[in-house]
Amino acid sequence: MLDARLRPLIDPPLNRIGAMLARRGVTANALTCTGLALGLGGAAAVAFGHLGWGLALILANRLLDGLDGAVARVRGPSDLGGYFDIVADFAFYVSVPLGFGLLAPANALPALVLVASFVLTGVSFLAFAVIAAKRGQTTEAHGRKSFFYSTGLAEGTETIAVFIVMCIAPAWFGAIAYAYAALCGLTVIQRSAMAVSAFSD
């Protein structure tokens, strides 16, 4: 919901840094892989109770996720890079609830529900992208991407905000996880309604 609105604010500084990294020979895929390693490290830190480190690594993951796209815009996007980027994103997203689920037994069920909601949201997102590509539809609401990015109530910005709150207030993990899982469910319904409108003819 907020991703497209934040793009005009975050893209200019990311593009400047991305151009500098590209000139130094840094590739988008290298940033994607490094970011994934940091994100998984953050989830592991959460699982072992090091929430401060977990939060720092989660934020580092998101910074590199923004920079890999900036570098790709300079060096030229690739289909392989787009594939790695979305796989890395979803691997990171499911790892953080898993980390909280391992942190405390009481977190296991809400973590499972949240991961399931992420899977459903991801399926709706990718299915929409496949059909949109088949029909030749395009959008740059989220910047230049390798495939169609459909808007939803629960997007990257909202997810990271939720992860931050979870790290700051871990005692509230269960309530936060259930609430955000419900928002993800609404996103699936919203995207399905968009599909009905866009693909019915």
N, C-alpha and C. Protein backbone atom coordinates (compact mmCIF):
# COMPACT_ATOMS: atom_id res chain seq x y z
N MET A 1 0.82 -1.20 0.00
CA MET A 1 0.00 0.00 0.00
C MET A 1 0.87 1.27 0.00
N LEU A 2 1.99 1.21 0.75
CA LEU A 2 2.83 2.40 0.87
C LEU A 2 4.04 2.38 -0.05
N ASP A 3 4.34 1.23 -0.65
CA ASP A 3 5.57 1.12 -1.44
C ASP A 3 5.65 2.16 -2.54
N ALA A 4 4.60 2.26 -3.35
CA ALA A 4 4.63 3.19 -4.49
C ALA A 4 4.74 4.64 -4.02
N ARG A 5 4.13 4.96 -2.88
CA ARG A 5 4.17 6.33 -2.38
C ARG A 5 5.56 6.71 -1.87
N LEU A 6 6.32 5.71 -1.40
CA LEU A 6 7.65 6.00 -0.87
C LEU A 6 8.72 6.04 -1.95
N ARG A 7 8.41 5.52 -3.13
CA ARG A 7 9.43 5.44 -4.19
C ARG A 7 10.04 6.80 -4.53
N PRO A 8 9.23 7.87 -4.66
CA PRO A 8 9.85 9.17 -5.00
C PRO A 8 10.81 9.67 -3.92
N LEU A 9 10.64 9.19 -2.69
CA LEU A 9 11.52 9.62 -1.59
C LEU A 9 12.79 8.79 -1.51
N ILE A 10 12.66 7.48 -1.70
CA ILE A 10 13.82 6.61 -1.48
C ILE A 10 14.63 6.35 -2.75
N ASP A 11 14.01 6.46 -3.91
CA ASP A 11 14.73 6.14 -5.15
C ASP A 11 15.90 7.07 -5.43
N PRO A 12 15.77 8.41 -5.28
CA PRO A 12 16.91 9.28 -5.63
C PRO A 12 18.20 8.95 -4.86
N PRO A 13 18.16 8.83 -3.51
CA PRO A 13 19.42 8.49 -2.83
C PRO A 13 19.91 7.08 -3.17
N LEU A 14 18.98 6.12 -3.31
CA LEU A 14 19.39 4.77 -3.68
C LEU A 14 20.04 4.75 -5.06
N ASN A 15 19.48 5.52 -5.99
CA ASN A 15 20.03 5.56 -7.34
C ASN A 15 21.44 6.16 -7.36
N ARG A 16 21.67 7.16 -6.51
CA ARG A 16 23.01 7.76 -6.44
C ARG A 16 24.03 6.75 -5.92
N ILE A 17 23.66 6.07 -4.84
CA ILE A 17 24.57 5.06 -4.28
C ILE A 17 24.72 3.89 -5.24
N GLY A 18 23.61 3.49 -5.88
CA GLY A 18 23.67 2.39 -6.83
C GLY A 18 24.58 2.70 -8.00
N ALA A 19 24.54 3.93 -8.50
CA ALA A 19 25.42 4.32 -9.60
C ALA A 19 26.88 4.24 -9.19
N MET A 20 27.16 4.67 -7.95
CA MET A 20 28.54 4.61 -7.46
C MET A 20 29.02 3.16 -7.35
N LEU A 21 28.14 2.28 -6.81
CA LEU A 21 28.51 0.87 -6.68
C LEU A 21 28.71 0.22 -8.04
N ALA A 22 27.84 0.56 -8.99
CA ALA A 22 27.96 0.00 -10.33
C ALA A 22 29.28 0.39 -10.98
N ARG A 23 29.70 1.64 -10.77
CA ARG A 23 30.98 2.09 -11.34
C ARG A 23 32.16 1.32 -10.75
N ARG A 24 31.98 0.85 -9.52
CA ARG A 24 33.04 0.09 -8.85
C ARG A 24 32.97 -1.41 -9.17
N GLY A 25 32.05 -1.78 -10.05
CA GLY A 25 31.98 -3.17 -10.47
C GLY A 25 31.07 -4.06 -9.66
N VAL A 26 30.33 -3.49 -8.71
CA VAL A 26 29.41 -4.28 -7.90
C VAL A 26 28.20 -4.66 -8.74
N THR A 27 27.78 -5.92 -8.67
CA THR A 27 26.64 -6.37 -9.45
C THR A 27 25.39 -6.44 -8.59
N ALA A 28 24.24 -6.35 -9.24
CA ALA A 28 22.97 -6.43 -8.53
C ALA A 28 22.80 -7.80 -7.87
N ASN A 29 23.20 -8.87 -8.57
CA ASN A 29 23.05 -10.21 -8.01
C ASN A 29 23.91 -10.40 -6.77
N ALA A 30 25.09 -9.79 -6.75
CA ALA A 30 25.94 -9.88 -5.56
C ALA A 30 25.27 -9.21 -4.37
N LEU A 31 24.65 -8.07 -4.61
CA LEU A 31 23.93 -7.37 -3.54
C LEU A 31 22.72 -8.18 -3.07
N THR A 32 22.02 -8.80 -4.02
CA THR A 32 20.86 -9.63 -3.66
C THR A 32 21.28 -10.77 -2.75
N CYS A 33 22.34 -11.46 -3.13
CA CYS A 33 22.81 -12.61 -2.33
C CYS A 33 23.33 -12.17 -0.97
N THR A 34 24.07 -11.06 -0.95
CA THR A 34 24.57 -10.54 0.33
C THR A 34 23.42 -10.12 1.23
N GLY A 35 22.44 -9.45 0.64
CA GLY A 35 21.27 -9.03 1.41
C GLY A 35 20.51 -10.21 1.97
N LEU A 36 20.37 -11.27 1.18
CA LEU A 36 19.69 -12.46 1.68
C LEU A 36 20.45 -13.06 2.85
N ALA A 37 21.76 -13.15 2.74
CA ALA A 37 22.57 -13.69 3.84
C ALA A 37 22.39 -12.87 5.11
N LEU A 38 22.37 -11.55 4.96
CA LEU A 38 22.16 -10.68 6.13
C LEU A 38 20.77 -10.87 6.71
N GLY A 39 19.75 -10.98 5.84
CA GLY A 39 18.39 -11.16 6.32
C GLY A 39 18.21 -12.48 7.05
N LEU A 40 18.78 -13.55 6.51
CA LEU A 40 18.70 -14.84 7.18
C LEU A 40 19.48 -14.81 8.49
N GLY A 41 20.59 -14.07 8.50
CA GLY A 41 21.33 -13.89 9.74
C GLY A 41 20.51 -13.15 10.78
N GLY A 42 19.72 -12.18 10.32
CA GLY A 42 18.83 -11.46 11.24
C GLY A 42 17.78 -12.37 11.83
N ALA A 43 17.21 -13.25 11.01
CA ALA A 43 16.22 -14.21 11.51
C ALA A 43 16.86 -15.15 12.51
N ALA A 44 18.09 -15.59 12.24
CA ALA A 44 18.80 -16.46 13.17
C ALA A 44 19.08 -15.74 14.49
N ALA A 45 19.46 -14.46 14.39
CA ALA A 45 19.70 -13.68 15.61
C ALA A 45 18.44 -13.57 16.45
N VAL A 46 17.30 -13.37 15.80
CA VAL A 46 16.03 -13.32 16.51
C VAL A 46 15.77 -14.65 17.21
N ALA A 47 16.00 -15.74 16.51
CA ALA A 47 15.75 -17.07 17.07
C ALA A 47 16.57 -17.31 18.33
N PHE A 48 17.77 -16.75 18.38
CA PHE A 48 18.64 -16.93 19.55
C PHE A 48 18.47 -15.82 20.58
N GLY A 49 17.48 -14.95 20.37
CA GLY A 49 17.16 -13.93 21.36
C GLY A 49 17.95 -12.65 21.24
N HIS A 50 18.73 -12.49 20.19
CA HIS A 50 19.51 -11.26 20.00
C HIS A 50 18.71 -10.31 19.11
N LEU A 51 17.69 -9.71 19.70
CA LEU A 51 16.74 -8.94 18.89
C LEU A 51 17.33 -7.65 18.33
N GLY A 52 18.26 -7.06 19.05
CA GLY A 52 18.91 -5.86 18.54
C GLY A 52 19.70 -6.15 17.27
N TRP A 53 20.49 -7.21 17.32
CA TRP A 53 21.22 -7.63 16.12
C TRP A 53 20.26 -8.05 15.02
N GLY A 54 19.21 -8.74 15.42
CA GLY A 54 18.22 -9.16 14.43
C GLY A 54 17.64 -7.97 13.70
N LEU A 55 17.25 -6.94 14.44
CA LEU A 55 16.68 -5.75 13.82
C LEU A 55 17.69 -5.07 12.90
N ALA A 56 18.95 -4.96 13.36
CA ALA A 56 19.97 -4.31 12.53
C ALA A 56 20.18 -5.06 11.21
N LEU A 57 20.20 -6.39 11.28
CA LEU A 57 20.42 -7.19 10.07
C LEU A 57 19.20 -7.16 9.15
N ILE A 58 18.01 -7.10 9.74
CA ILE A 58 16.79 -6.98 8.94
C ILE A 58 16.81 -5.66 8.16
N LEU A 59 17.19 -4.58 8.83
CA LEU A 59 17.26 -3.28 8.15
C LEU A 59 18.36 -3.28 7.09
N ALA A 60 19.47 -3.94 7.37
CA ALA A 60 20.55 -4.03 6.38
C ALA A 60 20.07 -4.79 5.15
N ASN A 61 19.29 -5.84 5.37
CA ASN A 61 18.73 -6.60 4.26
C ASN A 61 17.89 -5.71 3.36
N ARG A 62 17.06 -4.88 3.97
CA ARG A 62 16.18 -4.02 3.17
C ARG A 62 16.98 -2.95 2.42
N LEU A 63 18.06 -2.47 3.04
CA LEU A 63 18.90 -1.49 2.34
C LEU A 63 19.51 -2.11 1.09
N LEU A 64 20.06 -3.31 1.22
CA LEU A 64 20.66 -3.97 0.06
C LEU A 64 19.61 -4.36 -0.96
N ASP A 65 18.40 -4.67 -0.51
CA ASP A 65 17.32 -4.98 -1.44
C ASP A 65 16.99 -3.76 -2.30
N GLY A 66 17.08 -2.58 -1.71
CA GLY A 66 16.87 -1.37 -2.50
C GLY A 66 18.03 -1.07 -3.41
N LEU A 67 19.25 -1.35 -2.94
CA LEU A 67 20.43 -1.05 -3.74
C LEU A 67 20.61 -1.99 -4.92
N ASP A 68 20.17 -3.25 -4.77
CA ASP A 68 20.34 -4.15 -5.92
C ASP A 68 19.51 -3.67 -7.11
N GLY A 69 18.32 -3.16 -6.82
CA GLY A 69 17.51 -2.61 -7.91
C GLY A 69 18.13 -1.36 -8.50
N ALA A 70 18.74 -0.54 -7.66
CA ALA A 70 19.39 0.68 -8.14
C ALA A 70 20.57 0.34 -9.05
N VAL A 71 21.35 -0.65 -8.65
CA VAL A 71 22.48 -1.08 -9.48
C VAL A 71 21.98 -1.67 -10.79
N ALA A 72 20.90 -2.45 -10.71
CA ALA A 72 20.33 -3.06 -11.92
C ALA A 72 19.85 -1.99 -12.90
N ARG A 73 19.35 -0.90 -12.39
CA ARG A 73 18.89 0.17 -13.28
C ARG A 73 20.05 0.82 -14.02
N VAL A 74 21.24 0.79 -13.41
CA VAL A 74 22.42 1.36 -14.06
C VAL A 74 23.05 0.37 -15.03
N ARG A 75 23.24 -0.86 -14.57
CA ARG A 75 23.93 -1.87 -15.37
C ARG A 75 23.01 -2.55 -16.38
N GLY A 76 21.70 -2.38 -16.18
CA GLY A 76 20.73 -3.04 -17.04
C GLY A 76 20.11 -4.22 -16.34
N PRO A 77 18.78 -4.25 -16.21
CA PRO A 77 18.12 -5.35 -15.51
C PRO A 77 18.23 -6.65 -16.31
N SER A 78 18.15 -7.76 -15.60
CA SER A 78 18.19 -9.07 -16.26
C SER A 78 17.07 -9.93 -15.70
N ASP A 79 16.62 -10.88 -16.51
CA ASP A 79 15.58 -11.80 -16.05
C ASP A 79 16.08 -12.64 -14.87
N LEU A 80 17.34 -13.06 -14.93
CA LEU A 80 17.90 -13.86 -13.83
C LEU A 80 17.94 -13.03 -12.54
N GLY A 81 18.32 -11.76 -12.69
CA GLY A 81 18.35 -10.90 -11.52
C GLY A 81 16.97 -10.71 -10.92
N GLY A 82 15.95 -10.55 -11.78
CA GLY A 82 14.58 -10.43 -11.29
C GLY A 82 14.14 -11.68 -10.56
N TYR A 83 14.55 -12.84 -11.08
CA TYR A 83 14.21 -14.11 -10.43
C TYR A 83 14.86 -14.19 -9.05
N PHE A 84 16.18 -13.93 -9.00
CA PHE A 84 16.87 -14.01 -7.72
C PHE A 84 16.29 -13.02 -6.71
N ASP A 85 15.92 -11.85 -7.17
CA ASP A 85 15.42 -10.81 -6.28
C ASP A 85 14.13 -11.24 -5.59
N ILE A 86 13.18 -11.78 -6.35
CA ILE A 86 11.90 -12.14 -5.74
C ILE A 86 12.03 -13.37 -4.86
N VAL A 87 12.88 -14.33 -5.25
CA VAL A 87 13.11 -15.51 -4.42
C VAL A 87 13.77 -15.10 -3.09
N ALA A 88 14.76 -14.21 -3.18
CA ALA A 88 15.42 -13.74 -1.97
C ALA A 88 14.46 -13.00 -1.06
N ASP A 89 13.58 -12.19 -1.65
CA ASP A 89 12.60 -11.44 -0.86
C ASP A 89 11.71 -12.39 -0.06
N PHE A 90 11.15 -13.39 -0.72
CA PHE A 90 10.22 -14.27 -0.02
C PHE A 90 10.94 -15.18 0.97
N ALA A 91 12.17 -15.58 0.66
CA ALA A 91 12.95 -16.35 1.63
C ALA A 91 13.19 -15.53 2.89
N PHE A 92 13.50 -14.26 2.71
CA PHE A 92 13.69 -13.37 3.86
C PHE A 92 12.39 -13.18 4.64
N TYR A 93 11.31 -12.91 3.93
CA TYR A 93 10.05 -12.63 4.61
C TYR A 93 9.60 -13.80 5.49
N VAL A 94 9.73 -15.02 5.01
CA VAL A 94 9.26 -16.15 5.82
C VAL A 94 10.25 -16.50 6.93
N SER A 95 11.53 -16.12 6.76
CA SER A 95 12.53 -16.48 7.76
C SER A 95 12.34 -15.73 9.08
N VAL A 96 11.86 -14.49 9.01
CA VAL A 96 11.73 -13.69 10.23
C VAL A 96 10.64 -14.25 11.16
N PRO A 97 9.42 -14.55 10.68
CA PRO A 97 8.46 -15.22 11.56
C PRO A 97 8.98 -16.56 12.08
N LEU A 98 9.71 -17.28 11.23
CA LEU A 98 10.30 -18.54 11.68
C LEU A 98 11.25 -18.30 12.85
N GLY A 99 12.05 -17.24 12.76
CA GLY A 99 12.95 -16.91 13.86
C GLY A 99 12.19 -16.64 15.15
N PHE A 100 11.10 -15.89 15.07
CA PHE A 100 10.29 -15.63 16.26
C PHE A 100 9.62 -16.91 16.76
N GLY A 101 9.23 -17.78 15.83
CA GLY A 101 8.63 -19.05 16.22
C GLY A 101 9.60 -19.92 16.99
N LEU A 102 10.88 -19.85 16.65
CA LEU A 102 11.90 -20.61 17.36
C LEU A 102 12.31 -19.94 18.66
N LEU A 103 12.07 -18.65 18.76
CA LEU A 103 12.46 -17.90 19.96
C LEU A 103 11.71 -18.35 21.20
N ALA A 104 10.41 -18.62 21.05
CA ALA A 104 9.58 -18.99 22.21
C ALA A 104 8.48 -19.93 21.74
N PRO A 105 8.20 -20.98 22.52
CA PRO A 105 7.15 -21.94 22.13
C PRO A 105 5.80 -21.28 21.87
N ALA A 106 5.47 -20.24 22.65
CA ALA A 106 4.18 -19.57 22.48
C ALA A 106 4.06 -18.88 21.13
N ASN A 107 5.19 -18.63 20.48
CA ASN A 107 5.18 -17.95 19.18
C ASN A 107 4.94 -18.89 18.01
N ALA A 108 5.00 -20.19 18.26
CA ALA A 108 5.00 -21.15 17.14
C ALA A 108 3.74 -21.04 16.29
N LEU A 109 2.56 -21.06 16.92
CA LEU A 109 1.32 -21.03 16.14
C LEU A 109 1.14 -19.71 15.39
N PRO A 110 1.28 -18.56 16.06
CA PRO A 110 1.13 -17.32 15.28
C PRO A 110 2.18 -17.19 14.18
N ALA A 111 3.39 -17.70 14.40
CA ALA A 111 4.40 -17.67 13.35
C ALA A 111 3.97 -18.52 12.17
N LEU A 112 3.40 -19.69 12.44
CA LEU A 112 2.93 -20.57 11.38
C LEU A 112 1.81 -19.91 10.58
N VAL A 113 0.89 -19.26 11.29
CA VAL A 113 -0.21 -18.57 10.62
C VAL A 113 0.32 -17.43 9.75
N LEU A 114 1.30 -16.70 10.27
CA LEU A 114 1.85 -15.57 9.51
C LEU A 114 2.59 -16.06 8.26
N VAL A 115 3.38 -17.13 8.40
CA VAL A 115 4.08 -17.68 7.24
C VAL A 115 3.08 -18.15 6.19
N ALA A 116 2.01 -18.82 6.65
CA ALA A 116 0.98 -19.28 5.70
C ALA A 116 0.35 -18.10 4.97
N SER A 117 0.11 -17.00 5.68
CA SER A 117 -0.47 -15.82 5.03
C SER A 117 0.51 -15.21 4.03
N PHE A 118 1.81 -15.26 4.34
CA PHE A 118 2.81 -14.77 3.40
C PHE A 118 2.82 -15.62 2.13
N VAL A 119 2.69 -16.93 2.31
CA VAL A 119 2.67 -17.83 1.14
C VAL A 119 1.48 -17.50 0.25
N LEU A 120 0.30 -17.33 0.85
CA LEU A 120 -0.90 -17.02 0.06
C LEU A 120 -0.76 -15.67 -0.64
N THR A 121 -0.22 -14.70 0.08
CA THR A 121 -0.03 -13.38 -0.53
C THR A 121 0.96 -13.47 -1.69
N GLY A 122 2.04 -14.23 -1.49
CA GLY A 122 3.03 -14.41 -2.54
C GLY A 122 2.46 -15.10 -3.76
N VAL A 123 1.63 -16.12 -3.53
CA VAL A 123 1.01 -16.84 -4.65
C VAL A 123 0.11 -15.90 -5.44
N SER A 124 -0.69 -15.11 -4.74
CA SER A 124 -1.58 -14.18 -5.45
C SER A 124 -0.78 -13.14 -6.22
N PHE A 125 0.31 -12.68 -5.64
CA PHE A 125 1.17 -11.68 -6.28
C PHE A 125 1.80 -12.24 -7.55
N LEU A 126 2.37 -13.44 -7.46
CA LEU A 126 3.05 -14.02 -8.61
C LEU A 126 2.07 -14.48 -9.68
N ALA A 127 0.92 -15.03 -9.26
CA ALA A 127 -0.08 -15.44 -10.24
C ALA A 127 -0.59 -14.24 -11.03
N PHE A 128 -0.83 -13.13 -10.33
CA PHE A 128 -1.26 -11.91 -11.02
C PHE A 128 -0.19 -11.46 -12.01
N ALA A 129 1.08 -11.52 -11.59
CA ALA A 129 2.16 -11.08 -12.47
C ALA A 129 2.25 -11.94 -13.73
N VAL A 130 2.07 -13.25 -13.57
CA VAL A 130 2.15 -14.15 -14.72
C VAL A 130 1.04 -13.85 -15.74
N ILE A 131 -0.19 -13.70 -15.25
CA ILE A 131 -1.31 -13.43 -16.15
C ILE A 131 -1.18 -12.05 -16.78
N ALA A 132 -0.74 -11.06 -15.99
CA ALA A 132 -0.57 -9.71 -16.53
C ALA A 132 0.48 -9.71 -17.64
N ALA A 133 1.59 -10.46 -17.43
CA ALA A 133 2.62 -10.53 -18.46
C ALA A 133 2.09 -11.21 -19.72
N LYS A 134 1.30 -12.24 -19.53
CA LYS A 134 0.71 -12.95 -20.66
C LYS A 134 -0.16 -12.02 -21.49
N ARG A 135 -0.83 -11.09 -20.83
CA ARG A 135 -1.74 -10.17 -21.51
C ARG A 135 -1.04 -8.87 -21.93
N GLY A 136 0.26 -8.79 -21.70
CA GLY A 136 1.03 -7.62 -22.12
C GLY A 136 0.83 -6.39 -21.25
N GLN A 137 0.32 -6.56 -20.05
CA GLN A 137 0.09 -5.43 -19.17
C GLN A 137 1.39 -5.04 -18.46
N THR A 138 1.58 -3.76 -18.22
CA THR A 138 2.78 -3.25 -17.55
C THR A 138 2.38 -2.19 -16.54
N THR A 139 3.29 -1.95 -15.60
CA THR A 139 3.11 -0.86 -14.63
C THR A 139 4.48 -0.47 -14.09
N GLU A 140 4.64 0.82 -13.80
CA GLU A 140 5.85 1.30 -13.14
C GLU A 140 5.51 2.01 -11.84
N ALA A 141 4.38 1.62 -11.23
CA ALA A 141 3.97 2.22 -9.97
C ALA A 141 4.99 1.95 -8.87
N HIS A 142 5.68 0.81 -8.98
CA HIS A 142 6.71 0.45 -8.00
C HIS A 142 8.11 0.60 -8.59
N GLY A 143 8.24 1.42 -9.62
CA GLY A 143 9.51 1.55 -10.31
C GLY A 143 9.62 0.52 -11.42
N ARG A 144 10.75 0.53 -12.11
CA ARG A 144 10.98 -0.43 -13.18
C ARG A 144 11.31 -1.79 -12.57
N LYS A 145 10.48 -2.77 -12.86
CA LYS A 145 10.65 -4.12 -12.32
C LYS A 145 10.74 -5.12 -13.46
N SER A 146 11.20 -6.33 -13.11
CA SER A 146 11.33 -7.38 -14.11
C SER A 146 9.99 -7.95 -14.52
N PHE A 147 8.98 -7.77 -13.68
CA PHE A 147 7.64 -8.25 -13.99
C PHE A 147 6.62 -7.38 -13.30
N PHE A 148 5.34 -7.66 -13.57
CA PHE A 148 4.25 -6.80 -13.10
C PHE A 148 4.13 -6.87 -11.57
N TYR A 149 4.19 -5.71 -10.93
CA TYR A 149 4.01 -5.61 -9.48
C TYR A 149 2.62 -5.06 -9.19
N SER A 150 1.74 -5.91 -8.68
CA SER A 150 0.39 -5.45 -8.34
C SER A 150 0.38 -4.87 -6.93
N THR A 151 -0.39 -3.84 -6.74
CA THR A 151 -0.48 -3.16 -5.45
C THR A 151 -1.36 -3.96 -4.49
N GLY A 152 -1.05 -3.88 -3.21
CA GLY A 152 -1.86 -4.56 -2.21
C GLY A 152 -1.80 -3.84 -0.88
N LEU A 153 -2.69 -4.21 0.03
CA LEU A 153 -2.71 -3.59 1.35
C LEU A 153 -1.42 -3.90 2.12
N ALA A 154 -0.96 -5.14 2.02
CA ALA A 154 0.26 -5.57 2.71
C ALA A 154 1.37 -5.71 1.68
N GLU A 155 2.32 -4.78 1.72
CA GLU A 155 3.46 -4.81 0.80
C GLU A 155 4.74 -4.79 1.62
N GLY A 156 5.86 -4.53 0.95
CA GLY A 156 7.14 -4.58 1.64
C GLY A 156 7.26 -3.59 2.78
N THR A 157 6.83 -2.36 2.56
CA THR A 157 6.96 -1.33 3.60
C THR A 157 6.20 -1.72 4.86
N GLU A 158 4.98 -2.18 4.69
CA GLU A 158 4.18 -2.58 5.86
C GLU A 158 4.80 -3.79 6.57
N THR A 159 5.35 -4.71 5.78
CA THR A 159 5.95 -5.90 6.38
C THR A 159 7.17 -5.54 7.21
N ILE A 160 8.01 -4.66 6.70
CA ILE A 160 9.20 -4.26 7.45
C ILE A 160 8.80 -3.49 8.70
N ALA A 161 7.79 -2.64 8.60
CA ALA A 161 7.31 -1.93 9.79
C ALA A 161 6.85 -2.91 10.86
N VAL A 162 6.17 -3.96 10.44
CA VAL A 162 5.71 -4.98 11.38
C VAL A 162 6.90 -5.71 12.00
N PHE A 163 7.89 -6.06 11.19
CA PHE A 163 9.08 -6.73 11.72
C PHE A 163 9.80 -5.86 12.75
N ILE A 164 9.87 -4.56 12.48
CA ILE A 164 10.52 -3.64 13.42
C ILE A 164 9.78 -3.64 14.75
N VAL A 165 8.45 -3.53 14.70
CA VAL A 165 7.66 -3.53 15.93
C VAL A 165 7.83 -4.85 16.68
N MET A 166 7.88 -5.95 15.95
CA MET A 166 8.07 -7.26 16.59
C MET A 166 9.40 -7.33 17.35
N CYS A 167 10.45 -6.76 16.75
CA CYS A 167 11.76 -6.77 17.40
C CYS A 167 11.79 -5.86 18.62
N ILE A 168 11.07 -4.76 18.55
CA ILE A 168 11.04 -3.81 19.66
C ILE A 168 10.14 -4.31 20.79
N ALA A 169 9.03 -4.96 20.43
CA ALA A 169 8.06 -5.44 21.43
C ALA A 169 7.79 -6.93 21.21
N PRO A 170 8.77 -7.80 21.46
CA PRO A 170 8.59 -9.23 21.17
C PRO A 170 7.48 -9.89 21.97
N ALA A 171 7.13 -9.33 23.12
CA ALA A 171 6.05 -9.92 23.93
C ALA A 171 4.72 -9.84 23.20
N TRP A 172 4.60 -8.93 22.25
CA TRP A 172 3.36 -8.74 21.49
C TRP A 172 3.40 -9.48 20.15
N PHE A 173 4.37 -10.36 19.96
CA PHE A 173 4.52 -11.02 18.67
C PHE A 173 3.24 -11.70 18.21
N GLY A 174 2.60 -12.46 19.10
CA GLY A 174 1.42 -13.22 18.72
C GLY A 174 0.31 -12.33 18.18
N ALA A 175 -0.01 -11.29 18.93
CA ALA A 175 -1.09 -10.38 18.51
C ALA A 175 -0.73 -9.69 17.19
N ILE A 176 0.53 -9.25 17.07
CA ILE A 176 0.95 -8.57 15.85
C ILE A 176 0.89 -9.53 14.66
N ALA A 177 1.34 -10.77 14.88
CA ALA A 177 1.36 -11.75 13.79
C ALA A 177 -0.04 -12.06 13.30
N TYR A 178 -0.97 -12.27 14.23
CA TYR A 178 -2.35 -12.57 13.82
C TYR A 178 -2.97 -11.39 13.08
N ALA A 179 -2.72 -10.18 13.58
CA ALA A 179 -3.30 -8.99 12.94
C ALA A 179 -2.74 -8.81 11.54
N TYR A 180 -1.44 -9.03 11.39
CA TYR A 180 -0.85 -8.83 10.06
C TYR A 180 -1.23 -9.96 9.12
N ALA A 181 -1.38 -11.16 9.66
CA ALA A 181 -1.87 -12.27 8.82
C ALA A 181 -3.26 -11.95 8.28
N ALA A 182 -4.10 -11.33 9.10
CA ALA A 182 -5.43 -10.93 8.65
C ALA A 182 -5.33 -9.90 7.53
N LEU A 183 -4.39 -8.95 7.66
CA LEU A 183 -4.21 -7.95 6.61
C LEU A 183 -3.71 -8.61 5.32
N CYS A 184 -2.85 -9.61 5.46
CA CYS A 184 -2.40 -10.36 4.28
C CYS A 184 -3.57 -11.08 3.61
N GLY A 185 -4.46 -11.63 4.44
CA GLY A 185 -5.65 -12.28 3.89
C GLY A 185 -6.51 -11.30 3.12
N LEU A 186 -6.66 -10.10 3.66
CA LEU A 186 -7.42 -9.07 2.96
C LEU A 186 -6.72 -8.67 1.65
N THR A 187 -5.39 -8.71 1.66
CA THR A 187 -4.64 -8.39 0.44
C THR A 187 -4.91 -9.42 -0.65
N VAL A 188 -5.00 -10.69 -0.26
CA VAL A 188 -5.31 -11.74 -1.23
C VAL A 188 -6.70 -11.51 -1.82
N ILE A 189 -7.66 -11.16 -0.96
CA ILE A 189 -9.01 -10.87 -1.44
C ILE A 189 -9.00 -9.66 -2.36
N GLN A 190 -8.29 -8.61 -1.97
CA GLN A 190 -8.19 -7.40 -2.79
C GLN A 190 -7.58 -7.72 -4.16
N ARG A 191 -6.49 -8.48 -4.15
CA ARG A 191 -5.82 -8.80 -5.42
C ARG A 191 -6.69 -9.70 -6.28
N SER A 192 -7.46 -10.58 -5.65
CA SER A 192 -8.37 -11.43 -6.40
C SER A 192 -9.46 -10.60 -7.07
N ALA A 193 -9.94 -9.59 -6.35
CA ALA A 193 -10.93 -8.69 -6.94
C ALA A 193 -10.32 -7.92 -8.11
N MET A 194 -9.06 -7.52 -7.96
CA MET A 194 -8.36 -6.84 -9.06
C MET A 194 -8.24 -7.77 -10.27
N ALA A 195 -7.97 -9.05 -9.99
CA ALA A 195 -7.86 -10.02 -11.08
C ALA A 195 -9.19 -10.20 -11.81
N VAL A 196 -10.28 -10.24 -11.05
CA VAL A 196 -11.60 -10.35 -11.67
C VAL A 196 -11.85 -9.18 -12.60
N SER A 197 -11.46 -7.98 -12.14
CA SER A 197 -11.68 -6.78 -12.94
C SER A 197 -10.77 -6.74 -14.17
N ALA A 198 -9.52 -7.21 -13.99
CA ALA A 198 -8.54 -7.06 -15.07
C ALA A 198 -8.56 -8.20 -16.07
N PHE A 199 -8.95 -9.39 -15.62
CA PHE A 199 -8.78 -10.58 -16.46
C PHE A 199 -10.10 -11.24 -16.88
N SER A 200 -11.22 -10.62 -16.65
CA SER A 200 -12.50 -11.27 -16.91
C SER A 200 -12.84 -11.35 -18.38
N ASP A 201 -12.31 -10.46 -19.22
CA ASP A 201 -12.73 -10.45 -20.63
C ASP A 201 -12.09 -11.62 -21.39
